PDB file of N, CA and C in Angstrom:
ATOM      1  N   MET A   1     -41.327  11.769  88.168  1.00  0.00           N
ATOM      2  CA  MET A   1     -41.039  12.829  89.119  1.00  0.00           C
ATOM      3  C   MET A   1     -40.514  14.085  88.415  1.00  0.00           C
ATOM      4  N   ASN A   2     -39.595  13.890  87.472  1.00  0.00           N
ATOM      5  CA  ASN A   2     -39.011  15.034  86.773  1.00  0.00           C
ATOM      6  C   ASN A   2     -40.045  15.755  85.912  1.00  0.00           C
ATOM      7  N   LYS A   3     -40.926  14.981  85.251  1.00  0.00           N
ATOM      8  CA  LYS A   3     -41.962  15.595  84.416  1.00  0.00           C
ATOM      9  C   LYS A   3     -42.927  16.403  85.287  1.00  0.00           C
ATOM     10  N   ARG A   4     -43.265  15.873  86.458  1.00  0.00           N
ATOM     11  CA  ARG A   4     -44.156  16.578  87.376  1.00  0.00           C
ATOM     12  C   ARG A   4     -43.518  17.894  87.826  1.00  0.00           C
ATOM     13  N   ASN A   5     -42.237  17.858  88.146  1.00  0.00           N
ATOM     14  CA  ASN A   5     -41.521  19.076  88.557  1.00  0.00           C
ATOM     15  C   ASN A   5     -41.513  20.118  87.445  1.00  0.00           C
ATOM     16  N   LYS A   6     -41.318  19.679  86.205  1.00  0.00           N
ATOM     17  CA  LYS A   6     -41.323  20.607  85.079  1.00  0.00           C
ATOM     18  C   LYS A   6     -42.694  21.256  84.914  1.00  0.00           C
ATOM     19  N   ILE A   7     -43.743  20.464  85.052  1.00  0.00           N
ATOM     20  CA  ILE A   7     -45.099  21.004  84.926  1.00  0.00           C
ATOM     21  C   ILE A   7     -45.358  22.038  86.017  1.00  0.00           C
ATOM     22  N   ILE A   8     -45.006  21.697  87.259  1.00  0.00           N
ATOM     23  CA  ILE A   8     -45.193  22.626  88.379  1.00  0.00           C
ATOM     24  C   ILE A   8     -44.386  23.901  88.140  1.00  0.00           C
ATOM     25  N   TYR A   9     -43.134  23.741  87.714  1.00  0.00           N
ATOM     26  CA  TYR A   9     -42.283  24.903  87.450  1.00  0.00           C
ATOM     27  C   TYR A   9     -42.915  25.813  86.406  1.00  0.00           C
ATOM     28  N   TRP A  10     -43.331  25.242  85.274  1.00  0.00           N
ATOM     29  CA  TRP A  10     -43.853  26.077  84.186  1.00  0.00           C
ATOM     30  C   TRP A  10     -45.194  26.714  84.535  1.00  0.00           C
ATOM     31  N   VAL A  11     -46.015  26.039  85.322  1.00  0.00           N
ATOM     32  CA  VAL A  11     -47.286  26.652  85.748  1.00  0.00           C
ATOM     33  C   VAL A  11     -47.003  27.844  86.663  1.00  0.00           C
ATOM     34  N   LEU A  12     -46.142  27.639  87.683  1.00  0.00           N
ATOM     35  CA  LEU A  12     -45.805  28.730  88.601  1.00  0.00           C
ATOM     36  C   LEU A  12     -45.107  29.879  87.879  1.00  0.00           C
ATOM     37  N   THR A  13     -44.188  29.544  86.997  1.00  0.00           N
ATOM     38  CA  THR A  13     -43.449  30.560  86.257  1.00  0.00           C
ATOM     39  C   THR A  13     -44.375  31.325  85.312  1.00  0.00           C
ATOM     40  N   GLY A  14     -45.265  30.609  84.652  1.00  0.00           N
ATOM     41  CA  GLY A  14     -46.230  31.267  83.770  1.00  0.00           C
ATOM     42  C   GLY A  14     -47.129  32.220  84.530  1.00  0.00           C
ATOM     43  N   LEU A  15     -47.567  31.811  85.722  1.00  0.00           N
ATOM     44  CA  LEU A  15     -48.444  32.667  86.519  1.00  0.00           C
ATOM     45  C   LEU A  15     -47.716  33.915  87.025  1.00  0.00           C
ATOM     46  N   ILE A  16     -46.494  33.756  87.522  1.00  0.00           N
ATOM     47  CA  ILE A  16     -45.775  34.926  88.032  1.00  0.00           C
ATOM     48  C   ILE A  16     -45.404  35.863  86.883  1.00  0.00           C
ATOM     49  N   CYS A  17     -45.050  35.303  85.730  1.00  0.00           N
ATOM     50  CA  CYS A  17     -44.729  36.154  84.578  1.00  0.00           C
ATOM     51  C   CYS A  17     -45.982  36.885  84.091  1.00  0.00           C
ATOM     52  N   ALA A  18     -47.121  36.207  84.098  1.00  0.00           N
ATOM     53  CA  ALA A  18     -48.376  36.867  83.713  1.00  0.00           C
ATOM     54  C   ALA A  18     -48.703  38.004  84.681  1.00  0.00           C
ATOM     55  N   LEU A  19     -48.505  37.765  85.967  1.00  0.00           N
ATOM     56  CA  LEU A  19     -48.754  38.799  86.972  1.00  0.00           C
ATOM     57  C   LEU A  19     -47.852  40.014  86.733  1.00  0.00           C
ATOM     58  N   MET A  20     -46.584  39.768  86.459  1.00  0.00           N
ATOM     59  CA  MET A  20     -45.650  40.871  86.221  1.00  0.00           C
ATOM     60  C   MET A  20     -45.970  41.617  84.928  1.00  0.00           C
ATOM     61  N   LEU A  21     -46.365  40.894  83.893  1.00  0.00           N
ATOM     62  CA  LEU A  21     -46.718  41.560  82.637  1.00  0.00           C
ATOM     63  C   LEU A  21     -48.006  42.364  82.774  1.00  0.00           C
ATOM     64  N   MET A  22     -48.962  41.843  83.540  1.00  0.00           N
ATOM     65  CA  MET A  22     -50.189  42.611  83.782  1.00  0.00           C
ATOM     66  C   MET A  22     -49.870  43.881  84.560  1.00  0.00           C
ATOM     67  N   SER A  23     -48.991  43.768  85.540  1.00  0.00           N
ATOM     68  CA  SER A  23     -48.577  44.930  86.318  1.00  0.00           C
ATOM     69  C   SER A  23     -47.880  45.956  85.425  1.00  0.00           C
ATOM     70  N   ALA A  24     -46.960  45.491  84.594  1.00  0.00           N
ATOM     71  CA  ALA A  24     -46.231  46.394  83.697  1.00  0.00           C
ATOM     72  C   ALA A  24     -47.184  47.066  82.716  1.00  0.00           C
ATOM     73  N   SER A  25     -48.117  46.315  82.179  1.00  0.00           N
ATOM     74  CA  SER A  25     -49.058  46.916  81.221  1.00  0.00           C
ATOM     75  C   SER A  25     -49.962  47.936  81.909  1.00  0.00           C
ATOM     76  N   MET A  26     -50.320  47.668  83.158  1.00  0.00           N
ATOM     77  CA  MET A  26     -51.113  48.639  83.906  1.00  0.00           C
ATOM     78  C   MET A  26     -50.311  49.934  84.096  1.00  0.00           C
ATOM     79  N   TYR A  27     -49.027  49.805  84.424  1.00  0.00           N
ATOM     80  CA  TYR A  27     -48.179  50.977  84.609  1.00  0.00           C
ATOM     81  C   TYR A  27     -48.075  51.787  83.321  1.00  0.00           C
ATOM     82  N   ILE A  28     -47.985  51.098  82.186  1.00  0.00           N
ATOM     83  CA  ILE A  28     -47.799  51.778  80.902  1.00  0.00           C
ATOM     84  C   ILE A  28     -49.104  52.371  80.378  1.00  0.00           C
ATOM     85  N   PHE A  29     -50.161  51.567  80.376  1.00  0.00           N
ATOM     86  CA  PHE A  29     -51.403  51.982  79.717  1.00  0.00           C
ATOM     87  C   PHE A  29     -52.388  52.707  80.636  1.00  0.00           C
ATOM     88  N   ASN A  30     -52.212  52.581  81.947  1.00  0.00           N
ATOM     89  CA  ASN A  30     -53.097  53.259  82.904  1.00  0.00           C
ATOM     90  C   ASN A  30     -52.287  54.144  83.847  1.00  0.00           C
ATOM     91  N   TYR A  31     -51.336  54.852  83.286  1.00  0.00           N
ATOM     92  CA  TYR A  31     -50.418  55.670  84.081  1.00  0.00           C
ATOM     93  C   TYR A  31     -51.159  56.624  85.007  1.00  0.00           C
ATOM     94  N   GLU A  32     -52.174  57.304  84.502  1.00  0.00           N
ATOM     95  CA  GLU A  32     -52.892  58.299  85.311  1.00  0.00           C
ATOM     96  C   GLU A  32     -53.642  57.666  86.484  1.00  0.00           C
ATOM     97  N   GLU A  33     -54.027  56.402  86.368  1.00  0.00           N
ATOM     98  CA  GLU A  33     -54.678  55.707  87.485  1.00  0.00           C
ATOM     99  C   GLU A  33     -53.659  55.179  88.490  1.00  0.00           C
ATOM    100  N   VAL A  34     -52.476  54.830  88.002  1.00  0.00           N
ATOM    101  CA  VAL A  34     -51.425  54.279  88.867  1.00  0.00           C
ATOM    102  C   VAL A  34     -50.714  55.390  89.642  1.00  0.00           C
ATOM    103  N   LYS A  35     -50.599  56.542  89.035  1.00  0.00           N
ATOM    104  CA  LYS A  35     -49.865  57.669  89.622  1.00  0.00           C
ATOM    105  C   LYS A  35     -50.332  58.017  91.040  1.00  0.00           C
ATOM    106  N   PRO A  36     -51.649  58.129  91.321  1.00  0.00           N
ATOM    107  CA  PRO A  36     -52.070  58.440  92.696  1.00  0.00           C
ATOM    108  C   PRO A  36     -51.693  57.360  93.710  1.00  0.00           C
ATOM    109  N   LEU A  37     -51.645  56.112  93.263  1.00  0.00           N
ATOM    110  CA  LEU A  37     -51.211  55.037  94.174  1.00  0.00           C
ATOM    111  C   LEU A  37     -49.760  55.232  94.586  1.00  0.00           C
ATOM    112  N   PHE A  38     -48.904  55.532  93.619  1.00  0.00           N
ATOM    113  CA  PHE A  38     -47.492  55.741  93.928  1.00  0.00           C
ATOM    114  C   PHE A  38     -47.315  56.941  94.851  1.00  0.00           C
ATOM    115  N   ILE A  39     -48.118  57.965  94.641  1.00  0.00           N
ATOM    116  CA  ILE A  39     -48.061  59.130  95.522  1.00  0.00           C
ATOM    117  C   ILE A  39     -48.492  58.730  96.935  1.00  0.00           C
ATOM    118  N   ALA A  40     -49.561  57.930  97.040  1.00  0.00           N
ATOM    119  CA  ALA A  40     -50.030  57.472  98.354  1.00  0.00           C
ATOM    120  C   ALA A  40     -48.986  56.599  99.039  1.00  0.00           C
ATOM    121  N   PHE A  41     -48.248  55.805  98.248  1.00  0.00           N
ATOM    122  CA  PHE A  41     -47.191  54.959  98.815  1.00  0.00           C
ATOM    123  C   PHE A  41     -45.987  55.772  99.263  1.00  0.00           C
ATOM    124  N   GLY A  42     -45.894  57.004  98.774  1.00  0.00           N
ATOM    125  CA  GLY A  42     -44.723  57.827  99.067  1.00  0.00           C
ATOM    126  C   GLY A  42     -43.592  57.573  98.086  1.00  0.00           C
ATOM    127  N   TYR A  43     -43.901  56.916  96.961  1.00  0.00           N
ATOM    128  CA  TYR A  43     -42.892  56.632  95.940  1.00  0.00           C
ATOM    129  C   TYR A  43     -42.927  57.741  94.888  1.00  0.00           C
ATOM    130  N   PRO A  44     -41.788  58.060  94.285  1.00  0.00           N
ATOM    131  CA  PRO A  44     -41.792  59.061  93.214  1.00  0.00           C
ATOM    132  C   PRO A  44     -42.469  58.490  91.963  1.00  0.00           C
ATOM    133  N   THR A  45     -43.221  59.320  91.293  1.00  0.00           N
ATOM    134  CA  THR A  45     -43.962  58.840  90.123  1.00  0.00           C
ATOM    135  C   THR A  45     -43.073  58.631  88.894  1.00  0.00           C
ATOM    136  N   TYR A  46     -41.873  59.202  88.904  1.00  0.00           N
ATOM    137  CA  TYR A  46     -41.003  59.021  87.742  1.00  0.00           C
ATOM    138  C   TYR A  46     -40.467  57.596  87.626  1.00  0.00           C
ATOM    139  N   ILE A  47     -40.677  56.752  88.633  1.00  0.00           N
ATOM    140  CA  ILE A  47     -40.196  55.365  88.529  1.00  0.00           C
ATOM    141  C   ILE A  47     -41.219  54.426  87.905  1.00  0.00           C
ATOM    142  N   ILE A  48     -42.413  54.917  87.587  1.00  0.00           N
ATOM    143  CA  ILE A  48     -43.463  54.033  87.070  1.00  0.00           C
ATOM    144  C   ILE A  48     -43.044  53.409  85.736  1.00  0.00           C
ATOM    145  N   TYR A  49     -42.642  54.211  84.773  1.00  0.00           N
ATOM    146  CA  TYR A  49     -42.258  53.648  83.470  1.00  0.00           C
ATOM    147  C   TYR A  49     -40.993  52.786  83.549  1.00  0.00           C
ATOM    148  N   PRO A  50     -39.933  53.234  84.235  1.00  0.00           N
ATOM    149  CA  PRO A  50     -38.754  52.354  84.355  1.00  0.00           C
ATOM    150  C   PRO A  50     -39.069  51.035  85.067  1.00  0.00           C
ATOM    151  N   LEU A  51     -39.956  51.080  86.060  1.00  0.00           N
ATOM    152  CA  LEU A  51     -40.336  49.849  86.748  1.00  0.00           C
ATOM    153  C   LEU A  51     -41.085  48.912  85.810  1.00  0.00           C
ATOM    154  N   ALA A  52     -41.942  49.454  84.977  1.00  0.00           N
ATOM    155  CA  ALA A  52     -42.651  48.628  83.981  1.00  0.00           C
ATOM    156  C   ALA A  52     -41.649  47.987  83.026  1.00  0.00           C
ATOM    157  N   PHE A  53     -40.694  48.766  82.559  1.00  0.00           N
ATOM    158  CA  PHE A  53     -39.668  48.251  81.649  1.00  0.00           C
ATOM    159  C   PHE A  53     -38.833  47.168  82.325  1.00  0.00           C
ATOM    160  N   ALA A  54     -38.471  47.374  83.591  1.00  0.00           N
ATOM    161  CA  ALA A  54     -37.690  46.384  84.332  1.00  0.00           C
ATOM    162  C   ALA A  54     -38.477  45.080  84.511  1.00  0.00           C
ATOM    163  N   LYS A  55     -39.775  45.184  84.727  1.00  0.00           N
ATOM    164  CA  LYS A  55     -40.595  43.982  84.864  1.00  0.00           C
ATOM    165  C   LYS A  55     -40.635  43.195  83.560  1.00  0.00           C
ATOM    166  N   ILE A  56     -40.749  43.898  82.453  1.00  0.00           N
ATOM    167  CA  ILE A  56     -40.752  43.216  81.153  1.00  0.00           C
ATOM    168  C   ILE A  56     -39.414  42.522  80.911  1.00  0.00           C
ATOM    169  N   LEU A  57     -38.317  43.207  81.210  1.00  0.00           N
ATOM    170  CA  LEU A  57     -36.991  42.594  81.055  1.00  0.00           C
ATOM    171  C   LEU A  57     -36.813  41.394  81.982  1.00  0.00           C
ATOM    172  N   GLY A  58     -37.350  41.488  83.207  1.00  0.00           N
ATOM    173  CA  GLY A  58     -37.270  40.374  84.141  1.00  0.00           C
ATOM    174  C   GLY A  58     -38.020  39.153  83.648  1.00  0.00           C
ATOM    175  N   VAL A  59     -39.185  39.374  83.075  1.00  0.00           N
ATOM    176  CA  VAL A  59     -39.959  38.262  82.508  1.00  0.00           C
ATOM    177  C   VAL A  59     -39.176  37.604  81.376  1.00  0.00           C
ATOM    178  N   ILE A  60     -38.577  38.410  80.515  1.00  0.00           N
ATOM    179  CA  ILE A  60     -37.777  37.867  79.418  1.00  0.00           C
ATOM    180  C   ILE A  60     -36.608  37.050  79.962  1.00  0.00           C
ATOM    181  N   ALA A  61     -35.933  37.571  80.984  1.00  0.00           N
ATOM    182  CA  ALA A  61     -34.779  36.865  81.566  1.00  0.00           C
ATOM    183  C   ALA A  61     -35.196  35.522  82.166  1.00  0.00           C
ATOM    184  N   ILE A  62     -36.330  35.503  82.851  1.00  0.00           N
ATOM    185  CA  ILE A  62     -36.767  34.259  83.488  1.00  0.00           C
ATOM    186  C   ILE A  62     -37.234  33.242  82.451  1.00  0.00           C
ATOM    187  N   LEU A  63     -37.969  33.697  81.456  1.00  0.00           N
ATOM    188  CA  LEU A  63     -38.497  32.748  80.468  1.00  0.00           C
ATOM    189  C   LEU A  63     -37.433  32.211  79.516  1.00  0.00           C
ATOM    190  N   THR A  64     -36.462  33.038  79.157  1.00  0.00           N
ATOM    191  CA  THR A  64     -35.445  32.570  78.205  1.00  0.00           C
ATOM    192  C   THR A  64     -34.311  31.812  78.882  1.00  0.00           C
ATOM    193  N   ARG A  65     -33.994  32.165  80.122  1.00  0.00           N
ATOM    194  CA  ARG A  65     -32.916  31.503  80.877  1.00  0.00           C
ATOM    195  C   ARG A  65     -31.598  31.486  80.100  1.00  0.00           C
ATOM    196  N   LYS A  66     -31.333  32.548  79.351  1.00  0.00           N
ATOM    197  CA  LYS A  66     -30.097  32.632  78.561  1.00  0.00           C
ATOM    198  C   LYS A  66     -28.872  32.793  79.450  1.00  0.00           C
ATOM    199  N   SER A  67     -29.036  33.460  80.572  1.00  0.00           N
ATOM    200  CA  SER A  67     -27.921  33.695  81.489  1.00  0.00           C
ATOM    201  C   SER A  67     -28.382  33.363  82.902  1.00  0.00           C
ATOM    202  N   LYS A  68     -27.638  32.502  83.562  1.00  0.00           N
ATOM    203  CA  LYS A  68     -27.994  32.141  84.934  1.00  0.00           C
ATOM    204  C   LYS A  68     -27.968  33.369  85.841  1.00  0.00           C
ATOM    205  N   THR A  69     -26.989  34.229  85.649  1.00  0.00           N
ATOM    206  CA  THR A  69     -26.864  35.433  86.472  1.00  0.00           C
ATOM    207  C   THR A  69     -28.056  36.364  86.271  1.00  0.00           C
ATOM    208  N   LEU A  70     -28.437  36.594  85.014  1.00  0.00           N
ATOM    209  CA  LEU A  70     -29.592  37.459  84.745  1.00  0.00           C
ATOM    210  C   LEU A  70     -30.876  36.867  85.316  1.00  0.00           C
ATOM    211  N   THR A  71     -31.013  35.560  85.222  1.00  0.00           N
ATOM    212  CA  THR A  71     -32.202  34.901  85.772  1.00  0.00           C
ATOM    213  C   THR A  71     -32.256  35.091  87.284  1.00  0.00           C
ATOM    214  N   GLU A  72     -31.134  34.912  87.950  1.00  0.00           N
ATOM    215  CA  GLU A  72     -31.085  35.097  89.404  1.00  0.00           C
ATOM    216  C   GLU A  72     -31.418  36.549  89.778  1.00  0.00           C
ATOM    217  N   TRP A  73     -30.880  37.501  89.026  1.00  0.00           N
ATOM    218  CA  TRP A  73     -31.152  38.906  89.302  1.00  0.00           C
ATOM    219  C   TRP A  73     -32.616  39.242  89.052  1.00  0.00           C
ATOM    220  N   ALA A  74     -33.192  38.630  88.038  1.00  0.00           N
ATOM    221  CA  ALA A  74     -34.615  38.868  87.758  1.00  0.00           C
ATOM    222  C   ALA A  74     -35.479  38.354  88.906  1.00  0.00           C
ATOM    223  N   TYR A  75     -35.188  37.152  89.389  1.00  0.00           N
ATOM    224  CA  TYR A  75     -35.927  36.628  90.541  1.00  0.00           C
ATOM    225  C   TYR A  75     -35.743  37.542  91.756  1.00  0.00           C
ATOM    226  N   ALA A  76     -34.514  37.994  91.984  1.00  0.00           N
ATOM    227  CA  ALA A  76     -34.259  38.877  93.133  1.00  0.00           C
ATOM    228  C   ALA A  76     -35.025  40.194  92.982  1.00  0.00           C
ATOM    229  N   GLY A  77     -34.994  40.767  91.791  1.00  0.00           N
ATOM    230  CA  GLY A  77     -35.709  42.024  91.556  1.00  0.00           C
ATOM    231  C   GLY A  77     -37.207  41.876  91.772  1.00  0.00           C
ATOM    232  N   PHE A  78     -37.776  40.779  91.280  1.00  0.00           N
ATOM    233  CA  PHE A  78     -39.204  40.539  91.484  1.00  0.00           C
ATOM    234  C   PHE A  78     -39.518  40.330  92.961  1.00  0.00           C
ATOM    235  N   PHE A  79     -38.613  39.656  93.674  1.00  0.00           N
ATOM    236  CA  PHE A  79     -38.831  39.434  95.105  1.00  0.00           C
ATOM    237  C   PHE A  79     -38.875  40.778  95.840  1.00  0.00           C
ATOM    238  N   PHE A  80     -37.903  41.632  95.582  1.00  0.00           N
ATOM    239  CA  PHE A  80     -37.889  42.939  96.244  1.00  0.00           C
ATOM    240  C   PHE A  80     -39.109  43.769  95.853  1.00  0.00           C
ATOM    241  N   ASP A  81     -39.481  43.725  94.584  1.00  0.00           N
ATOM    242  CA  ASP A  81     -40.654  44.461  94.122  1.00  0.00           C
ATOM    243  C   ASP A  81     -41.908  43.991  94.859  1.00  0.00           C
ATOM    244  N   LEU A  82     -42.081  42.690  94.985  1.00  0.00           N
ATOM    245  CA  LEU A  82     -43.281  42.153  95.628  1.00  0.00           C
ATOM    246  C   LEU A  82     -43.299  42.410  97.131  1.00  0.00           C
ATOM    247  N   VAL A  83     -42.156  42.308  97.778  1.00  0.00           N
ATOM    248  CA  VAL A  83     -42.101  42.587  99.219  1.00  0.00           C
ATOM    249  C   VAL A  83     -42.405  44.061  99.478  1.00  0.00           C
ATOM    250  N   LEU A  84     -41.802  44.940  98.676  1.00  0.00           N
ATOM    251  CA  LEU A  84     -42.085  46.372  98.836  1.00  0.00           C
ATOM    252  C   LEU A  84     -43.544  46.685  98.519  1.00  0.00           C
ATOM    253  N   ALA A  85     -44.109  46.030  97.507  1.00  0.00           N
ATOM    254  CA  ALA A  85     -45.519  46.234  97.178  1.00  0.00           C
ATOM    255  C   ALA A  85     -46.415  45.767  98.321  1.00  0.00           C
ATOM    256  N   PHE A  86     -46.069  44.620  98.913  1.00  0.00           N
ATOM    257  CA  PHE A  86     -46.864  44.112 100.032  1.00  0.00           C
ATOM    258  C   PHE A  86     -46.919  45.143 101.165  1.00  0.00           C
ATOM    259  N   PHE A  87     -45.758  45.629 101.579  1.00  0.00           N
ATOM    260  CA  PHE A  87     -45.734  46.567 102.701  1.00  0.00           C
ATOM    261  C   PHE A  87     -46.306  47.933 102.338  1.00  0.00           C
ATOM    262  N   ALA A  88     -46.139  48.353 101.095  1.00  0.00           N
ATOM    263  CA  ALA A  88     -46.726  49.633 100.672  1.00  0.00           C
ATOM    264  C   ALA A  88     -48.253  49.556 100.743  1.00  0.00           C
ATOM    265  N   HIS A  89     -48.820  48.470 100.224  1.00  0.00           N
ATOM    266  CA  HIS A  89     -50.274  48.309 100.283  1.00  0.00           C
ATOM    267  C   HIS A  89     -50.750  48.148 101.723  1.00  0.00           C
ATOM    268  N   TYR A  90     -49.986  47.423 102.514  1.00  0.00           N
ATOM    269  CA  TYR A  90     -50.345  47.215 103.920  1.00  0.00           C
ATOM    270  C   TYR A  90     -50.370  48.549 104.675  1.00  0.00           C
ATOM    271  N   MET A  91     -49.388  49.403 104.410  1.00  0.00           N
ATOM    272  CA  MET A  91     -49.285  50.669 105.140  1.00  0.00           C
ATOM    273  C   MET A  91     -50.411  51.630 104.804  1.00  0.00           C
ATOM    274  N   ILE A  92     -50.890  51.625 103.564  1.00  0.00           N
ATOM    275  CA  ILE A  92     -51.993  52.537 103.240  1.00  0.00           C
ATOM    276  C   ILE A  92     -53.353  51.844 103.362  1.00  0.00           C
ATOM    277  N   GLU A  93     -53.341  50.593 103.750  1.00  0.00           N
ATOM    278  CA  GLU A  93     -54.558  49.823 104.040  1.00  0.00           C
ATOM    279  C   GLU A  93     -55.568  49.850 102.892  1.00  0.00           C
ATOM    280  N   ASP A  94     -55.090  49.528 101.694  1.00  0.00           N
ATOM    281  CA  ASP A  94     -56.010  49.497 100.552  1.00  0.00           C
ATOM    282  C   ASP A  94     -56.390  48.080 100.132  1.00  0.00           C
ATOM    283  N   GLY A  95     -55.886  47.074 100.833  1.00  0.00           N
ATOM    284  CA  GLY A  95     -56.240  45.694 100.537  1.00  0.00           C
ATOM    285  C   GLY A  95     -55.426  45.057  99.425  1.00  0.00           C
ATOM    286  N   GLY A  96     -54.535  45.776  98.815  1.00  0.00           N
ATOM    287  CA  GLY A  96     -53.738  45.250  97.712  1.00  0.00           C
ATOM    288  C   GLY A  96     -52.628  44.313  98.118  1.00  0.00           C
ATOM    289  N   GLN A  97     -52.422  44.171  99.413  1.00  0.00           N
ATOM    290  CA  GLN A  97     -51.308  43.334  99.856  1.00  0.00           C
ATOM    291  C   GLN A  97     -51.522  41.857  99.541  1.00  0.00           C
ATOM    292  N   MET A  98     -52.766  41.422  99.362  1.00  0.00           N
ATOM    293  CA  MET A  98     -53.009  40.008  99.062  1.00  0.00           C
ATOM    294  C   MET A  98     -52.446  39.635  97.697  1.00  0.00           C
ATOM    295  N   ALA A  99     -52.577  40.501  96.704  1.00  0.00           N
ATOM    296  CA  ALA A  99     -52.010  40.223  95.378  1.00  0.00           C
ATOM    297  C   ALA A  99     -50.492  40.100  95.475  1.00  0.00           C
ATOM    298  N   ALA A 100     -49.866  40.954  96.262  1.00  0.00           N
ATOM    299  CA  ALA A 100     -48.413  40.885  96.433  1.00  0.00           C
ATOM    300  C   ALA A 100     -48.012  39.612  97.169  1.00  0.00           C
ATOM    301  N   ALA A 101     -48.800  39.208  98.161  1.00  0.00           N
ATOM    302  CA  ALA A 101     -48.504  37.977  98.895  1.00  0.00           C
ATOM    303  C   ALA A 101     -48.626  36.762  97.977  1.00  0.00           C
ATOM    304  N   VAL A 102     -49.667  36.727  97.162  1.00  0.00           N
ATOM    305  CA  VAL A 102     -49.825  35.632  96.194  1.00  0.00           C
ATOM    306  C   VAL A 102     -48.658  35.644  95.215  1.00  0.00           C
ATOM    307  N   GLY A 103     -48.265  36.832  94.773  1.00  0.00           N
ATOM    308  CA  GLY A 103     -47.115  36.951  93.885  1.00  0.00           C
ATOM    309  C   GLY A 103     -45.849  36.398  94.513  1.00  0.00           C
ATOM    310  N   CYS A 104     -45.640  36.674  95.802  1.00  0.00           N
ATOM    311  CA  CYS A 104     -44.460  36.142  96.507  1.00  0.00           C
ATOM    312  C   CYS A 104     -44.480  34.622  96.537  1.00  0.00           C
ATOM    313  N   VAL A 105     -45.635  34.052  96.809  1.00  0.00           N
ATOM    314  CA  VAL A 105     -45.754  32.583  96.847  1.00  0.00           C
ATOM    315  C   VAL A 105     -45.445  31.997  95.472  1.00  0.00           C
ATOM    316  N   LEU A 106     -46.019  32.587  94.426  1.00  0.00           N
ATOM    317  CA  LEU A 106     -45.758  32.105  93.070  1.00  0.00           C
ATOM    318  C   LEU A 106     -44.279  32.249  92.706  1.00  0.00           C
ATOM    319  N   LEU A 107     -43.710  33.397  93.049  1.00  0.00           N
ATOM    320  CA  LEU A 107     -42.311  33.653  92.729  1.00  0.00           C
ATOM    321  C   LEU A 107     -41.387  32.673  93.444  1.00  0.00           C
ATOM    322  N   LEU A 108     -41.589  32.502  94.735  1.00  0.00           N
ATOM    323  CA  LEU A 108     -40.730  31.588  95.492  1.00  0.00           C
ATOM    324  C   LEU A 108     -40.905  30.155  95.009  1.00  0.00           C
ATOM    325  N   GLY A 109     -42.145  29.781  94.691  1.00  0.00           N
ATOM    326  CA  GLY A 109     -42.381  28.439  94.149  1.00  0.00           C
ATOM    327  C   GLY A 109     -41.654  28.248  92.825  1.00  0.00           C
ATOM    328  N   SER A 110     -41.745  29.225  91.942  1.00  0.00           N
ATOM    329  CA  SER A 110     -41.062  29.154  90.652  1.00  0.00           C
ATOM    330  C   SER A 110     -39.553  29.071  90.845  1.00  0.00           C
ATOM    331  N   TYR A 111     -39.034  29.887  91.751  1.00  0.00           N
ATOM    332  CA  TYR A 111     -37.586  29.918  91.974  1.00  0.00           C
ATOM    333  C   TYR A 111     -37.077  28.569  92.495  1.00  0.00           C
ATOM    334  N   PHE A 112     -37.720  28.037  93.510  1.00  0.00           N
ATOM    335  CA  PHE A 112     -37.235  26.786  94.093  1.00  0.00           C
ATOM    336  C   PHE A 112     -37.483  25.591  93.173  1.00  0.00           C
ATOM    337  N   MET A 113     -38.539  25.633  92.397  1.00  0.00           N
ATOM    338  CA  MET A 113     -38.747  24.560  91.404  1.00  0.00           C
ATOM    339  C   MET A 113     -37.725  24.664  90.289  1.00  0.00           C
ATOM    340  N   SER A 114     -37.280  25.876  89.951  1.00  0.00           N
ATOM    341  CA  SER A 114     -36.275  26.019  88.907  1.00  0.00           C
ATOM    342  C   SER A 114     -34.962  25.345  89.314  1.00  0.00           C
ATOM    343  N   LYS A 115     -34.696  25.320  90.610  1.00  0.00           N
ATOM    344  CA  LYS A 115     -33.491  24.656  91.108  1.00  0.00           C
ATOM    345  C   LYS A 115     -33.572  23.145  90.919  1.00  0.00           C
ATOM    346  N   LYS A 116     -34.787  22.604  90.946  1.00  0.00           N
ATOM    347  CA  LYS A 116     -34.967  21.163  90.725  1.00  0.00           C
ATOM    348  C   LYS A 116     -34.975  20.823  89.231  1.00  0.00           C
ATOM    349  N   VAL A 117     -35.595  21.685  88.440  1.00  0.00           N
ATOM    350  CA  VAL A 117     -35.742  21.438  87.007  1.00  0.00           C
ATOM    351  C   VAL A 117     -34.446  21.731  86.251  1.00  0.00           C
ATOM    352  N   PHE A 118     -33.736  22.774  86.654  1.00  0.00           N
ATOM    353  CA  PHE A 118     -32.488  23.175  86.007  1.00  0.00           C
ATOM    354  C   PHE A 118     -31.364  23.158  87.042  1.00  0.00           C
ATOM    355  N   PRO A 119     -30.917  21.965  87.441  1.00  0.00           N
ATOM    356  CA  PRO A 119     -29.868  21.910  88.477  1.00  0.00           C
ATOM    357  C   PRO A 119     -28.562  22.544  87.994  1.00  0.00           C
ATOM    358  N   ALA A 120     -27.810  23.073  88.941  1.00  0.00           N
ATOM    359  CA  ALA A 120     -26.513  23.702  88.623  1.00  0.00           C
ATOM    360  C   ALA A 120     -25.572  22.649  88.072  1.00  0.00           C
ATOM    361  N   LYS A 121     -24.785  23.072  87.099  1.00  0.00           N
ATOM    362  CA  LYS A 121     -23.856  22.108  86.464  1.00  0.00           C
ATOM    363  C   LYS A 121     -22.495  22.194  87.061  1.00  0.00           C
TER     364      LYS A 121
END
């Protein structure tokens, strides 16, 4: 049972971290393509690079698990990012909300499995 939980945790965590890293790399390397989306969402474009940096730091916090507090904050930050992304895509009707919804499922699965794999001491 414990080995199965670890496998599920690492698969979900790997997928959500890959999604966040792909998003961050898109923000960094395709800035000019991302900028019109942020404008359409009504978000300021100056947050694109800091958001990419925050996503990279969140992935590091979740994968290393060096600090329980940082890990919890990283999960919370990703949750807020994905919920806001879902509604932003929904409001401009561009179809991008499905990626955010899948991200939420992966994130919540990773978070709740982490509670089983790494119980509080």
